[in-house]
C-alpha atoms as a PDB file:
ATOM      1  CA  UNK A   1     102.851 -67.643 -44.288  1.00  0.00           C
ATOM      2  CA  UNK A   2     102.211 -67.149 -48.020  1.00  0.00           C
ATOM      3  CA  UNK A   3      99.492 -69.159 -49.670  1.00  0.00           C
ATOM      4  CA  UNK A   4     100.222 -71.480 -52.546  1.00  0.00           C
ATOM      5  CA  UNK A   5      98.745 -69.021 -54.982  1.00  0.00           C
ATOM      6  CA  UNK A   6     100.956 -66.241 -53.622  1.00  0.00           C
ATOM      7  CA  UNK A   7     103.984 -68.465 -54.002  1.00  0.00           C
ATOM      8  CA  UNK A   8     103.015 -69.322 -57.561  1.00  0.00           C
ATOM      9  CA  UNK A   9     102.532 -65.625 -58.364  1.00  0.00           C
ATOM     10  CA  UNK A  10     105.941 -64.827 -56.867  1.00  0.00           C
ATOM     11  CA  UNK A  11     107.491 -67.613 -58.845  1.00  0.00           C
ATOM     12  CA  UNK A  12     105.954 -66.256 -62.063  1.00  0.00           C
ATOM     13  CA  UNK A  13     107.278 -62.752 -61.262  1.00  0.00           C
ATOM     14  CA  UNK A  14     110.751 -64.085 -60.546  1.00  0.00           C
ATOM     15  CA  UNK A  15     110.799 -66.114 -63.747  1.00  0.00           C
ATOM     16  CA  UNK A  16     109.644 -63.092 -65.812  1.00  0.00           C
ATOM     17  CA  UNK A  17     112.353 -60.937 -64.260  1.00  0.00           C
ATOM     18  CA  UNK A  18     114.890 -63.659 -64.959  1.00  0.00           C
ATOM     19  CA  UNK A  19     113.818 -63.803 -68.609  1.00  0.00           C
ATOM     20  CA  UNK A  20     114.166 -60.013 -68.821  1.00  0.00           C
ATOM     21  CA  UNK A  21     117.659 -60.068 -67.276  1.00  0.00           C
ATOM     22  CA  UNK A  22     118.706 -62.893 -69.623  1.00  0.00           C
ATOM     23  CA  UNK A  23     117.446 -60.912 -72.614  1.00  0.00           C
ATOM     24  CA  UNK A  24     119.442 -57.892 -71.560  1.00  0.00           C
ATOM     25  CA  UNK A  25     122.542 -60.057 -71.045  1.00  0.00           C
ATOM     26  CA  UNK A  26     122.031 -61.567 -74.514  1.00  0.00           C
ATOM     27  CA  UNK A  27     121.788 -58.050 -75.969  1.00  0.00           C
ATOM     28  CA  UNK A  28     124.975 -56.978 -74.253  1.00  0.00           C
ATOM     29  CA  UNK A  29     126.765 -60.089 -75.461  1.00  0.00           C
ATOM     30  CA  UNK A  30     125.658 -59.378 -79.025  1.00  0.00           C
ATOM     31  CA  UNK A  31     126.820 -55.758 -78.689  1.00  0.00           C
ATOM     32  CA  UNK A  32     130.174 -56.850 -77.245  1.00  0.00           C
ATOM     33  CA  UNK A  33     130.701 -59.327 -80.124  1.00  0.00           C
ATOM     34  CA  UNK A  34     130.529 -56.418 -82.516  1.00  0.00           C
ATOM     35  CA  UNK A  35     133.425 -54.624 -80.864  1.00  0.00           C
ATOM     36  CA  UNK A  36     136.836 -55.825 -82.098  1.00  0.00           C
ATOM     37  CA  UNK A  37     138.524 -57.758 -79.272  1.00  0.00           C
ATOM     38  CA  UNK A  38     141.591 -55.443 -79.256  1.00  0.00           C
ATOM     39  CA  UNK A  39     139.290 -52.425 -78.609  1.00  0.00           C
ATOM     40  CA  UNK A  40     137.235 -53.994 -75.777  1.00  0.00           C
ATOM     41  CA  UNK A  41     139.744 -53.237 -73.025  1.00  0.00           C
ATOM     42  CA  UNK A  42     139.721 -49.524 -73.770  1.00  0.00           C
ATOM     43  CA  UNK A  43     136.036 -49.015 -74.435  1.00  0.00           C
ATOM     44  CA  UNK A  44     132.802 -49.323 -72.517  1.00  0.00           C
ATOM     45  CA  UNK A  45     133.793 -52.985 -72.242  1.00  0.00           C
ATOM     46  CA  UNK A  46     136.997 -52.244 -70.369  1.00  0.00           C
ATOM     47  CA  UNK A  47     137.404 -53.342 -66.719  1.00  0.00           C
ATOM     48  CA  UNK A  48     135.676 -50.180 -65.428  1.00  0.00           C
ATOM     49  CA  UNK A  49     133.493 -49.540 -68.442  1.00  0.00           C
ATOM     50  CA  UNK A  50     129.792 -48.913 -68.251  1.00  0.00           C
ATOM     51  CA  UNK A  51     128.907 -52.008 -70.259  1.00  0.00           C
ATOM     52  CA  UNK A  52     131.118 -54.270 -68.177  1.00  0.00           C
ATOM     53  CA  UNK A  53     129.602 -52.844 -65.014  1.00  0.00           C
ATOM     54  CA  UNK A  54     126.095 -53.398 -66.317  1.00  0.00           C
ATOM     55  CA  UNK A  55     126.923 -56.950 -67.367  1.00  0.00           C
ATOM     56  CA  UNK A  56     128.282 -57.725 -63.883  1.00  0.00           C
ATOM     57  CA  UNK A  57     125.178 -56.211 -62.221  1.00  0.00           C
ATOM     58  CA  UNK A  58     122.893 -58.294 -64.414  1.00  0.00           C
ATOM     59  CA  UNK A  59     124.916 -61.448 -63.806  1.00  0.00           C
ATOM     60  CA  UNK A  60     124.733 -60.899 -60.056  1.00  0.00           C
ATOM     61  CA  UNK A  61     120.984 -60.282 -60.222  1.00  0.00           C
ATOM     62  CA  UNK A  62     120.563 -63.428 -62.305  1.00  0.00           C
ATOM     63  CA  UNK A  63     122.346 -65.438 -59.615  1.00  0.00           C
ATOM     64  CA  UNK A  64     120.099 -63.898 -56.925  1.00  0.00           C
ATOM     65  CA  UNK A  65     117.001 -64.731 -58.984  1.00  0.00           C
ATOM     66  CA  UNK A  66     118.168 -68.297 -59.456  1.00  0.00           C
ATOM     67  CA  UNK A  67     118.481 -68.689 -55.700  1.00  0.00           C
ATOM     68  CA  UNK A  68     115.098 -67.105 -55.058  1.00  0.00           C
ATOM     69  CA  UNK A  69     113.447 -69.285 -57.694  1.00  0.00           C
ATOM     70  CA  UNK A  70     115.018 -72.331 -56.121  1.00  0.00           C
ATOM     71  CA  UNK A  71     113.714 -71.429 -52.656  1.00  0.00           C
ATOM     72  CA  UNK A  72     110.197 -70.631 -53.875  1.00  0.00           C
ATOM     73  CA  UNK A  73     110.088 -73.833 -55.941  1.00  0.00           C
ATOM     74  CA  UNK A  74     111.125 -75.802 -52.894  1.00  0.00           C
ATOM     75  CA  UNK A  75     108.452 -74.098 -50.775  1.00  0.00           C
ATOM     76  CA  UNK A  76     105.844 -74.919 -53.405  1.00  0.00           C
ATOM     77  CA  UNK A  77     107.018 -78.539 -53.453  1.00  0.00           C
ATOM     78  CA  UNK A  78     106.437 -78.751 -49.746  1.00  0.00           C
ATOM     79  CA  UNK A  79     102.836 -77.658 -50.085  1.00  0.00           C
ATOM     80  CA  UNK A  80     100.255 -80.279 -49.266  1.00  0.00           C
ATOM     81  CA  UNK A  81      97.579 -80.700 -51.906  1.00  0.00           C
ATOM     82  CA  UNK A  82      94.204 -79.260 -50.873  1.00  0.00           C
ATOM     83  CA  UNK A  83      91.723 -81.687 -49.370  1.00  0.00           C
ATOM     84  CA  UNK A  84      88.967 -82.659 -51.667  1.00  0.00           C
ATOM     85  CA  UNK A  85      85.434 -83.091 -50.512  1.00  0.00           C
ATOM     86  CA  UNK A  86      83.749 -86.203 -51.779  1.00  0.00           C
END
């Protein structure tokens, strides 16, 4: 079983990856906003376009990360505080 510190380190890694994924999603959204809406369906933003595919991949990874973060956070919450010596 993972120690509390290992769980905290994992949570930190997951949150950093989530921030990175969100940043890339934000960049893609900004890029898409620059493309006229009538041109999106025939460009990289079309249904099979590379940008659409990447956006979907990132969105799916973000959902996975959210679930992993939830599980790790719950596991951390179940940790008993260390005993103190008086």
